[in-house]
Amino acid sequence: MDSQVITEYGKQNIFAKETKPYIDKNYKGYVIEAEQLNGRLAMIGIVALLGAYITTGQIIPAIW
């Protein structure tokens, strides 16, 4: 029995058989989670900036 598969172009097909992908219905996606994280970190940064301005009186402490 010949286990090699030849394509229509005469080349040997050496790739494994592809499996059917699993699709998770509850997956929100990378982009949504990344945007939520970026928004939360931006809010923390703004609060930290305001706290530094209130306590030191400088916009960016230790620079001016």
N, C-alpha and C. Protein backbone atom coordinates (compact mmCIF):
# COMPACT_ATOMS: atom_id res chain seq x y z
N MET A 1 0.85 -1.18 0.00
CA MET A 1 0.00 0.00 0.00
C MET A 1 0.89 1.24 0.00
N ASP A 2 0.58 2.17 -0.85
CA ASP A 2 1.35 3.40 -0.98
C ASP A 2 0.72 4.46 -0.08
N SER A 3 1.50 4.98 0.88
CA SER A 3 0.96 5.96 1.81
C SER A 3 1.28 7.39 1.39
N GLN A 4 2.01 7.58 0.31
CA GLN A 4 2.35 8.91 -0.13
C GLN A 4 1.23 9.47 -1.01
N VAL A 5 1.00 10.75 -0.85
CA VAL A 5 -0.03 11.42 -1.64
C VAL A 5 0.65 12.45 -2.53
N ILE A 6 0.36 12.40 -3.79
CA ILE A 6 0.94 13.32 -4.76
C ILE A 6 -0.13 14.33 -5.17
N THR A 7 0.24 15.62 -5.14
CA THR A 7 -0.71 16.67 -5.53
C THR A 7 -0.84 16.73 -7.04
N GLU A 8 -1.72 17.61 -7.50
CA GLU A 8 -1.92 17.74 -8.94
C GLU A 8 -0.72 18.35 -9.65
N TYR A 9 0.23 18.92 -8.88
CA TYR A 9 1.42 19.51 -9.46
C TYR A 9 2.61 18.56 -9.43
N GLY A 10 2.39 17.33 -8.99
CA GLY A 10 3.44 16.33 -8.95
C GLY A 10 4.31 16.41 -7.71
N LYS A 11 3.90 17.20 -6.71
CA LYS A 11 4.67 17.33 -5.48
C LYS A 11 4.10 16.39 -4.43
N GLN A 12 4.98 15.92 -3.56
CA GLN A 12 4.55 15.03 -2.49
C GLN A 12 3.91 15.84 -1.36
N ASN A 13 2.76 15.41 -0.89
CA ASN A 13 2.09 16.06 0.22
C ASN A 13 2.63 15.47 1.51
N ILE A 14 3.47 16.24 2.23
CA ILE A 14 4.11 15.73 3.43
C ILE A 14 3.48 16.32 4.71
N PHE A 15 2.39 17.02 4.58
CA PHE A 15 1.76 17.65 5.72
C PHE A 15 0.75 16.72 6.36
N ALA A 16 0.61 16.85 7.67
CA ALA A 16 -0.35 16.03 8.39
C ALA A 16 -1.77 16.47 8.06
N LYS A 17 -2.68 15.58 8.28
CA LYS A 17 -4.09 15.90 8.06
C LYS A 17 -4.54 16.94 9.07
N GLU A 18 -5.22 17.96 8.60
CA GLU A 18 -5.67 19.03 9.50
C GLU A 18 -6.89 18.58 10.27
N THR A 19 -6.92 18.94 11.54
CA THR A 19 -8.06 18.61 12.38
C THR A 19 -9.07 19.75 12.33
N LYS A 20 -10.29 19.46 12.66
CA LYS A 20 -11.34 20.47 12.69
C LYS A 20 -11.12 21.37 13.91
N PRO A 21 -11.11 22.69 13.73
CA PRO A 21 -10.86 23.58 14.87
C PRO A 21 -12.03 23.59 15.83
N TYR A 22 -11.69 23.77 17.13
CA TYR A 22 -12.71 23.88 18.16
C TYR A 22 -13.08 25.34 18.31
N ILE A 23 -14.35 25.64 18.24
CA ILE A 23 -14.83 27.02 18.38
C ILE A 23 -15.57 27.14 19.70
N ASP A 24 -15.04 28.00 20.57
CA ASP A 24 -15.65 28.22 21.88
C ASP A 24 -16.69 29.33 21.76
N LYS A 25 -17.92 29.03 22.09
CA LYS A 25 -19.00 30.01 21.96
C LYS A 25 -18.90 31.14 22.99
N ASN A 26 -18.25 30.89 24.14
CA ASN A 26 -18.17 31.88 25.21
C ASN A 26 -16.91 32.74 25.16
N TYR A 27 -16.08 32.58 24.13
CA TYR A 27 -14.83 33.34 24.04
C TYR A 27 -15.13 34.77 23.61
N LYS A 28 -14.70 35.74 24.44
CA LYS A 28 -14.97 37.14 24.14
C LYS A 28 -14.00 37.70 23.10
N GLY A 29 -12.83 37.18 23.06
CA GLY A 29 -11.86 37.65 22.07
C GLY A 29 -10.73 38.43 22.70
N TYR A 30 -9.60 38.40 22.03
CA TYR A 30 -8.41 39.07 22.54
C TYR A 30 -8.57 40.58 22.51
N VAL A 31 -9.17 41.10 21.48
CA VAL A 31 -9.26 42.55 21.30
C VAL A 31 -10.09 43.18 22.40
N ILE A 32 -11.20 42.59 22.74
CA ILE A 32 -12.07 43.15 23.78
C ILE A 32 -11.37 43.14 25.13
N GLU A 33 -10.73 42.02 25.47
CA GLU A 33 -10.03 41.94 26.75
C GLU A 33 -8.85 42.91 26.80
N ALA A 34 -8.15 43.07 25.70
CA ALA A 34 -7.02 43.99 25.65
C ALA A 34 -7.49 45.44 25.81
N GLU A 35 -8.59 45.78 25.17
CA GLU A 35 -9.11 47.14 25.30
C GLU A 35 -9.58 47.43 26.72
N GLN A 36 -10.20 46.46 27.36
CA GLN A 36 -10.63 46.65 28.75
C GLN A 36 -9.43 46.85 29.67
N LEU A 37 -8.39 46.05 29.47
CA LEU A 37 -7.18 46.21 30.29
C LEU A 37 -6.53 47.56 30.05
N ASN A 38 -6.43 47.99 28.80
CA ASN A 38 -5.83 49.29 28.49
C ASN A 38 -6.62 50.43 29.13
N GLY A 39 -7.94 50.34 29.11
CA GLY A 39 -8.77 51.36 29.73
C GLY A 39 -8.58 51.42 31.23
N ARG A 40 -8.51 50.25 31.86
CA ARG A 40 -8.32 50.22 33.32
C ARG A 40 -6.95 50.77 33.71
N LEU A 41 -5.93 50.40 32.95
CA LEU A 41 -4.59 50.93 33.26
C LEU A 41 -4.51 52.43 33.02
N ALA A 42 -5.20 52.93 32.03
CA ALA A 42 -5.22 54.37 31.77
C ALA A 42 -5.91 55.11 32.93
N MET A 43 -6.99 54.53 33.45
CA MET A 43 -7.68 55.16 34.58
C MET A 43 -6.79 55.18 35.83
N ILE A 44 -6.04 54.09 36.05
CA ILE A 44 -5.11 54.05 37.18
C ILE A 44 -4.02 55.09 37.00
N GLY A 45 -3.53 55.26 35.77
CA GLY A 45 -2.50 56.25 35.49
C GLY A 45 -2.98 57.67 35.73
N ILE A 46 -4.22 57.96 35.36
CA ILE A 46 -4.77 59.30 35.58
C ILE A 46 -4.91 59.59 37.07
N VAL A 47 -5.38 58.62 37.81
CA VAL A 47 -5.51 58.80 39.27
C VAL A 47 -4.14 58.99 39.90
N ALA A 48 -3.14 58.23 39.46
CA ALA A 48 -1.79 58.38 39.99
C ALA A 48 -1.22 59.75 39.63
N LEU A 49 -1.48 60.22 38.41
CA LEU A 49 -1.00 61.54 38.01
C LEU A 49 -1.66 62.64 38.84
N LEU A 50 -2.95 62.54 39.06
CA LEU A 50 -3.62 63.54 39.89
C LEU A 50 -3.13 63.49 41.33
N GLY A 51 -2.90 62.28 41.85
CA GLY A 51 -2.37 62.16 43.21
C GLY A 51 -0.99 62.77 43.34
N ALA A 52 -0.14 62.56 42.34
CA ALA A 52 1.19 63.15 42.37
C ALA A 52 1.12 64.67 42.27
N TYR A 53 0.21 65.19 41.47
CA TYR A 53 0.06 66.63 41.33
C TYR A 53 -0.46 67.26 42.63
N ILE A 54 -1.39 66.59 43.27
CA ILE A 54 -1.95 67.13 44.52
C ILE A 54 -0.90 67.12 45.63
N THR A 55 -0.12 66.06 45.72
CA THR A 55 0.84 65.96 46.82
C THR A 55 2.10 66.79 46.59
N THR A 56 2.56 66.95 45.35
CA THR A 56 3.82 67.67 45.11
C THR A 56 3.61 69.04 44.49
N GLY A 57 2.51 69.25 43.82
CA GLY A 57 2.27 70.52 43.15
C GLY A 57 2.93 70.60 41.78
N GLN A 58 3.58 69.56 41.35
CA GLN A 58 4.22 69.53 40.05
C GLN A 58 3.44 68.60 39.13
N ILE A 59 3.46 68.93 37.84
CA ILE A 59 2.74 68.09 36.88
C ILE A 59 3.41 66.73 36.78
N ILE A 60 4.73 66.71 36.57
CA ILE A 60 5.48 65.46 36.56
C ILE A 60 6.58 65.61 37.61
N PRO A 61 6.42 64.98 38.76
CA PRO A 61 7.41 65.13 39.83
C PRO A 61 8.81 64.69 39.41
N ALA A 62 9.82 65.38 39.92
CA ALA A 62 11.25 65.10 39.73
C ALA A 62 11.76 65.46 38.34
N ILE A 63 10.96 66.09 37.51
CA ILE A 63 11.45 66.54 36.21
C ILE A 63 11.65 68.06 36.23
N TRP A 64 10.69 68.79 36.75
CA TRP A 64 10.82 70.25 36.83
C TRP A 64 10.92 70.67 38.27
